[in-house]
Amino acid sequence: MEIKLPAVSAPIASYVHYVIQDKIVYISGQLPMEDGKVKYKGKLGDNMTLEEGQKAAELCAKFVLAQLKEAVHDFAKVKRCIKISAFINSTPDFIDHPKVINAASDLIVNFLGEKGKHTRESVGVASLPLGVAVEIGAIFAIE
């Protein structure tokens, strides 16, 4: 699948975007940003729709893939996506976390094929950095 990946930028705090250890790439949580600004800000179940949450998740997944490319330079080196961790800024009664994160999971699988299939967790939280709707990190095995 052809996807235009966003340009990576410096982290917004005291961390690095990825670490490679023992043929595993750990990617820090990625935010739904566009041109250095928050694209999807808000709370699912309040002022954000499910569809907006899904678009935020897709954008986060694109940043995950962009960071992966920055780390390994060639997607052929990727053996598989092991896990994605997703955090959804949501109200206590919001229950569609899996539907939000399916957008990110589907994008990663469509991009990487079989090696994009992964385990995951999706967690509702009271707030996220910069007020974003979604944050996603990931773990990949590489050659």
N, C-alpha and C. Protein backbone atom coordinates (compact mmCIF):
# COMPACT_ATOMS: atom_id res chain seq x y z
N MET A 1 0.85 -1.19 0.00
CA MET A 1 0.00 0.00 0.00
C MET A 1 0.89 1.24 0.00
N GLU A 2 0.60 2.16 -0.87
CA GLU A 2 1.36 3.41 -0.92
C GLU A 2 0.71 4.43 0.02
N ILE A 3 1.48 4.88 0.96
CA ILE A 3 1.03 5.89 1.91
C ILE A 3 2.11 6.95 1.96
N LYS A 4 1.71 8.19 1.90
CA LYS A 4 2.68 9.27 2.07
C LYS A 4 2.93 9.44 3.57
N LEU A 5 4.16 9.17 3.97
CA LEU A 5 4.51 9.27 5.38
C LEU A 5 4.92 10.70 5.71
N PRO A 6 4.54 11.18 6.89
CA PRO A 6 4.92 12.54 7.27
C PRO A 6 6.40 12.64 7.60
N ALA A 7 6.90 13.84 7.54
CA ALA A 7 8.29 14.09 7.94
C ALA A 7 8.38 14.01 9.46
N VAL A 8 9.46 13.43 9.93
CA VAL A 8 9.66 13.36 11.38
C VAL A 8 10.31 14.65 11.86
N SER A 9 10.06 14.98 13.11
CA SER A 9 10.63 16.18 13.70
C SER A 9 11.21 15.83 15.06
N ALA A 10 11.80 16.80 15.70
CA ALA A 10 12.37 16.57 17.03
C ALA A 10 11.27 16.23 18.03
N PRO A 11 11.59 15.41 19.03
CA PRO A 11 10.61 15.11 20.08
C PRO A 11 10.18 16.40 20.79
N ILE A 12 8.96 16.38 21.36
CA ILE A 12 8.44 17.58 22.02
C ILE A 12 8.84 17.67 23.49
N ALA A 13 9.58 16.65 23.99
CA ALA A 13 10.00 16.66 25.40
C ALA A 13 11.32 15.89 25.52
N SER A 14 11.67 15.48 26.71
CA SER A 14 12.96 14.83 26.98
C SER A 14 12.90 13.32 26.74
N TYR A 15 12.92 12.92 25.49
CA TYR A 15 12.93 11.51 25.10
C TYR A 15 13.42 11.42 23.66
N VAL A 16 13.60 10.21 23.17
CA VAL A 16 13.93 9.99 21.76
C VAL A 16 12.74 9.29 21.11
N HIS A 17 12.61 9.45 19.80
CA HIS A 17 11.47 8.86 19.10
C HIS A 17 11.54 7.33 19.03
N TYR A 18 12.75 6.78 19.01
CA TYR A 18 12.87 5.33 18.94
C TYR A 18 14.20 4.89 19.55
N VAL A 19 14.22 3.62 19.95
CA VAL A 19 15.43 2.96 20.42
C VAL A 19 15.47 1.59 19.76
N ILE A 20 16.65 1.20 19.28
CA ILE A 20 16.84 -0.13 18.74
C ILE A 20 17.68 -0.91 19.74
N GLN A 21 17.15 -2.07 20.18
CA GLN A 21 17.86 -2.93 21.13
C GLN A 21 17.59 -4.38 20.74
N ASP A 22 18.65 -5.13 20.50
CA ASP A 22 18.52 -6.56 20.20
C ASP A 22 17.51 -6.85 19.09
N LYS A 23 17.63 -6.13 17.99
CA LYS A 23 16.79 -6.31 16.81
C LYS A 23 15.31 -6.04 17.06
N ILE A 24 15.06 -5.19 18.05
CA ILE A 24 13.70 -4.72 18.34
C ILE A 24 13.74 -3.19 18.28
N VAL A 25 12.76 -2.61 17.58
CA VAL A 25 12.63 -1.15 17.53
C VAL A 25 11.44 -0.77 18.41
N TYR A 26 11.72 0.06 19.41
CA TYR A 26 10.69 0.58 20.31
C TYR A 26 10.41 2.01 19.89
N ILE A 27 9.18 2.28 19.49
CA ILE A 27 8.83 3.62 19.02
C ILE A 27 7.98 4.31 20.06
N SER A 28 8.41 5.50 20.45
CA SER A 28 7.67 6.30 21.44
C SER A 28 6.29 6.65 20.92
N GLY A 29 5.42 7.03 21.82
CA GLY A 29 4.07 7.45 21.44
C GLY A 29 4.10 8.59 20.44
N GLN A 30 3.35 8.43 19.37
CA GLN A 30 3.27 9.42 18.31
C GLN A 30 1.93 10.12 18.37
N LEU A 31 1.94 11.42 18.15
CA LEU A 31 0.75 12.25 18.25
C LEU A 31 0.23 12.60 16.86
N PRO A 32 -1.05 12.93 16.75
CA PRO A 32 -1.62 13.32 15.45
C PRO A 32 -1.31 14.79 15.13
N MET A 33 -0.14 14.99 14.54
CA MET A 33 0.33 16.34 14.23
C MET A 33 0.33 16.56 12.72
N GLU A 34 0.22 17.82 12.35
CA GLU A 34 0.34 18.20 10.94
C GLU A 34 1.01 19.57 10.89
N ASP A 35 2.11 19.65 10.16
CA ASP A 35 2.87 20.89 10.06
C ASP A 35 3.26 21.44 11.43
N GLY A 36 3.63 20.54 12.33
CA GLY A 36 4.08 20.94 13.66
C GLY A 36 2.98 21.34 14.62
N LYS A 37 1.73 21.16 14.22
CA LYS A 37 0.60 21.55 15.08
C LYS A 37 -0.33 20.36 15.29
N VAL A 38 -1.03 20.37 16.42
CA VAL A 38 -1.99 19.31 16.70
C VAL A 38 -3.10 19.34 15.66
N LYS A 39 -3.37 18.19 15.06
CA LYS A 39 -4.42 18.08 14.06
C LYS A 39 -5.75 17.67 14.70
N TYR A 40 -5.71 16.72 15.63
CA TYR A 40 -6.93 16.24 16.27
C TYR A 40 -6.80 16.40 17.78
N LYS A 41 -7.46 17.41 18.28
CA LYS A 41 -7.42 17.74 19.70
C LYS A 41 -8.83 17.58 20.25
N GLY A 42 -8.95 16.90 21.37
CA GLY A 42 -10.26 16.75 21.98
C GLY A 42 -10.43 15.42 22.68
N LYS A 43 -11.65 15.17 23.09
CA LYS A 43 -11.98 14.00 23.90
C LYS A 43 -13.08 13.21 23.23
N LEU A 44 -12.81 11.93 22.96
CA LEU A 44 -13.82 11.05 22.38
C LEU A 44 -14.94 10.86 23.39
N GLY A 45 -16.16 10.92 22.90
CA GLY A 45 -17.32 10.81 23.78
C GLY A 45 -17.79 12.18 24.27
N ASP A 46 -17.03 13.23 23.92
CA ASP A 46 -17.41 14.59 24.30
C ASP A 46 -17.44 15.45 23.04
N ASN A 47 -16.29 16.03 22.69
CA ASN A 47 -16.26 16.94 21.54
C ASN A 47 -15.55 16.36 20.31
N MET A 48 -15.31 15.05 20.29
CA MET A 48 -14.69 14.37 19.14
C MET A 48 -15.58 13.21 18.72
N THR A 49 -15.79 13.07 17.42
CA THR A 49 -16.58 11.95 16.92
C THR A 49 -15.70 10.71 16.76
N LEU A 50 -16.33 9.58 16.63
CA LEU A 50 -15.60 8.34 16.38
C LEU A 50 -14.76 8.47 15.10
N GLU A 51 -15.35 9.06 14.07
CA GLU A 51 -14.63 9.21 12.80
C GLU A 51 -13.40 10.11 12.95
N GLU A 52 -13.52 11.17 13.72
CA GLU A 52 -12.35 12.03 13.97
C GLU A 52 -11.28 11.27 14.76
N GLY A 53 -11.71 10.45 15.71
CA GLY A 53 -10.77 9.62 16.46
C GLY A 53 -10.04 8.65 15.55
N GLN A 54 -10.77 8.06 14.61
CA GLN A 54 -10.15 7.14 13.67
C GLN A 54 -9.14 7.85 12.77
N LYS A 55 -9.45 9.06 12.34
CA LYS A 55 -8.50 9.83 11.53
C LYS A 55 -7.26 10.18 12.35
N ALA A 56 -7.45 10.49 13.62
CA ALA A 56 -6.32 10.77 14.51
C ALA A 56 -5.46 9.53 14.65
N ALA A 57 -6.08 8.37 14.82
CA ALA A 57 -5.35 7.11 14.95
C ALA A 57 -4.55 6.80 13.68
N GLU A 58 -5.16 7.02 12.53
CA GLU A 58 -4.45 6.81 11.26
C GLU A 58 -3.23 7.72 11.16
N LEU A 59 -3.39 8.97 11.54
CA LEU A 59 -2.27 9.91 11.48
C LEU A 59 -1.16 9.48 12.44
N CYS A 60 -1.53 9.04 13.63
CA CYS A 60 -0.52 8.53 14.58
C CYS A 60 0.20 7.33 13.97
N ALA A 61 -0.53 6.43 13.32
CA ALA A 61 0.08 5.24 12.71
C ALA A 61 1.04 5.65 11.59
N LYS A 62 0.71 6.67 10.84
CA LYS A 62 1.63 7.16 9.80
C LYS A 62 2.92 7.65 10.43
N PHE A 63 2.81 8.33 11.57
CA PHE A 63 4.03 8.79 12.27
C PHE A 63 4.82 7.61 12.82
N VAL A 64 4.13 6.57 13.31
CA VAL A 64 4.83 5.37 13.75
C VAL A 64 5.64 4.80 12.60
N LEU A 65 5.03 4.67 11.43
CA LEU A 65 5.73 4.14 10.26
C LEU A 65 6.87 5.06 9.82
N ALA A 66 6.66 6.36 9.92
CA ALA A 66 7.72 7.31 9.56
C ALA A 66 8.91 7.16 10.51
N GLN A 67 8.65 6.98 11.79
CA GLN A 67 9.73 6.77 12.76
C GLN A 67 10.44 5.44 12.50
N LEU A 68 9.66 4.42 12.14
CA LEU A 68 10.25 3.13 11.81
C LEU A 68 11.19 3.26 10.61
N LYS A 69 10.75 3.99 9.60
CA LYS A 69 11.60 4.20 8.42
C LYS A 69 12.87 4.96 8.81
N GLU A 70 12.73 5.96 9.65
CA GLU A 70 13.89 6.72 10.13
C GLU A 70 14.87 5.78 10.85
N ALA A 71 14.33 4.82 11.59
CA ALA A 71 15.17 3.91 12.38
C ALA A 71 15.89 2.88 11.51
N VAL A 72 15.18 2.29 10.54
CA VAL A 72 15.76 1.17 9.79
C VAL A 72 16.07 1.50 8.33
N HIS A 73 15.58 2.63 7.82
CA HIS A 73 15.83 3.13 6.47
C HIS A 73 15.22 2.29 5.34
N ASP A 74 14.87 1.05 5.63
CA ASP A 74 14.35 0.15 4.58
C ASP A 74 13.33 -0.79 5.22
N PHE A 75 12.09 -0.70 4.77
CA PHE A 75 11.04 -1.53 5.35
C PHE A 75 11.28 -3.03 5.12
N ALA A 76 12.16 -3.39 4.19
CA ALA A 76 12.48 -4.80 3.98
C ALA A 76 13.15 -5.40 5.22
N LYS A 77 13.75 -4.57 6.05
CA LYS A 77 14.40 -5.05 7.28
C LYS A 77 13.39 -5.37 8.38
N VAL A 78 12.14 -4.99 8.20
CA VAL A 78 11.12 -5.22 9.23
C VAL A 78 10.63 -6.65 9.14
N LYS A 79 10.75 -7.39 10.24
CA LYS A 79 10.26 -8.77 10.28
C LYS A 79 8.78 -8.81 10.64
N ARG A 80 8.38 -7.94 11.58
CA ARG A 80 6.95 -7.87 11.93
C ARG A 80 6.71 -6.76 12.94
N CYS A 81 5.47 -6.33 12.97
CA CYS A 81 5.01 -5.44 14.03
C CYS A 81 4.60 -6.36 15.17
N ILE A 82 5.20 -6.16 16.32
CA ILE A 82 4.90 -7.00 17.48
C ILE A 82 3.67 -6.49 18.22
N LYS A 83 3.64 -5.17 18.47
CA LYS A 83 2.57 -4.62 19.30
C LYS A 83 2.41 -3.13 19.05
N ILE A 84 1.17 -2.66 19.12
CA ILE A 84 0.95 -1.23 19.21
C ILE A 84 0.24 -0.96 20.53
N SER A 85 0.58 0.16 21.11
CA SER A 85 -0.06 0.62 22.35
C SER A 85 -0.75 1.94 22.04
N ALA A 86 -2.04 1.97 22.30
CA ALA A 86 -2.83 3.15 21.94
C ALA A 86 -3.52 3.72 23.17
N PHE A 87 -3.51 5.02 23.25
CA PHE A 87 -4.17 5.75 24.32
C PHE A 87 -5.17 6.69 23.69
N ILE A 88 -6.40 6.64 24.21
CA ILE A 88 -7.49 7.44 23.67
C ILE A 88 -7.97 8.40 24.73
N ASN A 89 -7.90 9.68 24.45
CA ASN A 89 -8.42 10.72 25.34
C ASN A 89 -9.94 10.62 25.26
N SER A 90 -10.57 10.11 26.33
CA SER A 90 -11.99 9.82 26.24
C SER A 90 -12.71 10.03 27.57
N THR A 91 -14.02 10.15 27.45
CA THR A 91 -14.86 10.26 28.63
C THR A 91 -14.97 8.88 29.28
N PRO A 92 -15.34 8.82 30.56
CA PRO A 92 -15.45 7.52 31.23
C PRO A 92 -16.47 6.58 30.60
N ASP A 93 -17.49 7.12 29.95
CA ASP A 93 -18.51 6.25 29.37
C ASP A 93 -18.26 5.91 27.90
N PHE A 94 -17.16 6.37 27.32
CA PHE A 94 -16.83 6.03 25.93
C PHE A 94 -16.35 4.58 25.90
N ILE A 95 -16.92 3.76 25.00
CA ILE A 95 -16.57 2.34 24.98
C ILE A 95 -16.06 1.85 23.63
N ASP A 96 -15.89 2.73 22.66
CA ASP A 96 -15.50 2.30 21.32
C ASP A 96 -14.00 2.42 21.04
N HIS A 97 -13.18 2.23 22.06
CA HIS A 97 -11.73 2.31 21.89
C HIS A 97 -11.24 1.39 20.76
N PRO A 98 -11.71 0.13 20.70
CA PRO A 98 -11.23 -0.73 19.61
C PRO A 98 -11.58 -0.20 18.22
N LYS A 99 -12.73 0.42 18.07
CA LYS A 99 -13.12 0.97 16.77
C LYS A 99 -12.20 2.13 16.38
N VAL A 100 -11.78 2.91 17.34
CA VAL A 100 -10.84 4.01 17.06
C VAL A 100 -9.52 3.44 16.57
N ILE A 101 -8.99 2.49 17.31
CA ILE A 101 -7.65 1.99 17.03
C ILE A 101 -7.61 1.01 15.85
N ASN A 102 -8.76 0.45 15.48
CA ASN A 102 -8.80 -0.38 14.27
C ASN A 102 -8.26 0.40 13.07
N ALA A 103 -8.49 1.70 13.03
CA ALA A 103 -8.00 2.52 11.92
C ALA A 103 -6.48 2.47 11.84
N ALA A 104 -5.80 2.53 12.97
CA ALA A 104 -4.34 2.45 12.99
C ALA A 104 -3.87 1.04 12.67
N SER A 105 -4.51 0.05 13.28
CA SER A 105 -4.13 -1.35 13.01
C SER A 105 -4.28 -1.67 11.53
N ASP A 106 -5.40 -1.28 10.95
CA ASP A 106 -5.65 -1.57 9.53
C ASP A 106 -4.62 -0.88 8.64
N LEU A 107 -4.26 0.35 8.95
CA LEU A 107 -3.27 1.06 8.16
C LEU A 107 -1.92 0.34 8.20
N ILE A 108 -1.50 -0.08 9.39
CA ILE A 108 -0.21 -0.77 9.53
C ILE A 108 -0.22 -2.10 8.78
N VAL A 109 -1.31 -2.86 8.90
CA VAL A 109 -1.41 -4.13 8.18
C VAL A 109 -1.47 -3.90 6.68
N ASN A 110 -2.22 -2.93 6.23
CA ASN A 110 -2.28 -2.63 4.79
C ASN A 110 -0.93 -2.20 4.26
N PHE A 111 -0.15 -1.50 5.06
CA PHE A 111 1.16 -1.02 4.63
C PHE A 111 2.20 -2.14 4.62
N LEU A 112 2.23 -2.95 5.69
CA LEU A 112 3.28 -3.96 5.84
C LEU A 112 2.84 -5.37 5.44
N GLY A 113 1.57 -5.56 5.14
CA GLY A 113 1.08 -6.89 4.81
C GLY A 113 1.06 -7.77 6.05
N GLU A 114 1.29 -9.07 5.85
CA GLU A 114 1.23 -10.04 6.95
C GLU A 114 2.13 -9.66 8.12
N LYS A 115 3.30 -9.09 7.82
CA LYS A 115 4.21 -8.74 8.91
C LYS A 115 3.74 -7.52 9.70
N GLY A 116 2.64 -6.92 9.27
CA GLY A 116 2.05 -5.82 10.02
C GLY A 116 1.05 -6.26 11.07
N LYS A 117 0.66 -7.55 11.06
CA LYS A 117 -0.30 -8.05 12.06
C LYS A 117 0.36 -8.05 13.43
N HIS A 118 -0.37 -7.58 14.43
CA HIS A 118 0.24 -7.30 15.72
C HIS A 118 -0.73 -7.53 16.87
N THR A 119 -0.16 -7.59 18.07
CA THR A 119 -0.97 -7.52 19.28
C THR A 119 -1.16 -6.04 19.57
N ARG A 120 -2.10 -5.74 20.48
CA ARG A 120 -2.28 -4.33 20.81
C ARG A 120 -3.02 -4.17 22.11
N GLU A 121 -2.97 -2.95 22.58
CA GLU A 121 -3.79 -2.53 23.70
C GLU A 121 -4.33 -1.15 23.37
N SER A 122 -5.56 -0.92 23.79
CA SER A 122 -6.15 0.41 23.62
C SER A 122 -6.76 0.80 24.95
N VAL A 123 -6.32 1.94 25.45
CA VAL A 123 -6.67 2.36 26.79
C VAL A 123 -7.27 3.76 26.76
N GLY A 124 -8.39 3.92 27.41
CA GLY A 124 -8.97 5.25 27.56
C GLY A 124 -8.32 5.97 28.72
N VAL A 125 -7.98 7.22 28.51
CA VAL A 125 -7.33 8.03 29.55
C VAL A 125 -8.02 9.38 29.68
N ALA A 126 -7.78 10.05 30.80
CA ALA A 126 -8.43 11.34 31.07
C ALA A 126 -7.84 12.48 30.26
N SER A 127 -6.56 12.38 29.89
CA SER A 127 -5.94 13.43 29.07
C SER A 127 -4.69 12.87 28.41
N LEU A 128 -4.24 13.58 27.38
CA LEU A 128 -3.01 13.23 26.67
C LEU A 128 -2.22 14.51 26.40
N PRO A 129 -0.91 14.37 26.07
CA PRO A 129 -0.11 15.56 25.81
C PRO A 129 -0.74 16.47 24.76
N LEU A 130 -0.66 17.76 25.00
CA LEU A 130 -1.16 18.80 24.10
C LEU A 130 -2.65 18.69 23.83
N GLY A 131 -3.36 17.88 24.61
CA GLY A 131 -4.80 17.73 24.44
C GLY A 131 -5.21 16.88 23.26
N VAL A 132 -4.26 16.09 22.69
CA VAL A 132 -4.57 15.28 21.52
C VAL A 132 -5.61 14.22 21.85
N ALA A 133 -6.27 13.72 20.81
CA ALA A 133 -7.30 12.71 20.97
C ALA A 133 -6.72 11.30 21.11
N VAL A 134 -5.58 11.05 20.45
CA VAL A 134 -5.00 9.71 20.40
C VAL A 134 -3.48 9.81 20.44
N GLU A 135 -2.85 8.82 21.07
CA GLU A 135 -1.38 8.67 21.04
C GLU A 135 -1.10 7.19 20.84
N ILE A 136 -0.15 6.87 19.93
CA ILE A 136 0.15 5.48 19.62
C ILE A 136 1.67 5.27 19.58
N GLY A 137 2.11 4.22 20.29
CA GLY A 137 3.50 3.77 20.23
C GLY A 137 3.51 2.35 19.66
N ALA A 138 4.70 1.84 19.34
CA ALA A 138 4.76 0.51 18.73
C ALA A 138 6.10 -0.16 18.97
N ILE A 139 6.09 -1.49 18.78
CA ILE A 139 7.28 -2.30 18.88
C ILE A 139 7.37 -3.15 17.62
N PHE A 140 8.56 -3.16 16.99
CA PHE A 140 8.78 -3.91 15.76
C PHE A 140 10.02 -4.78 15.89
N ALA A 141 9.97 -5.98 15.30
CA ALA A 141 11.14 -6.83 15.18
C ALA A 141 11.78 -6.55 13.83
N ILE A 142 13.11 -6.48 13.80
CA ILE A 142 13.85 -6.21 12.57
C ILE A 142 14.95 -7.25 12.38
N GLU A 143 15.49 -7.31 11.17
CA GLU A 143 16.60 -8.22 10.86
C GLU A 143 17.91 -7.60 11.28
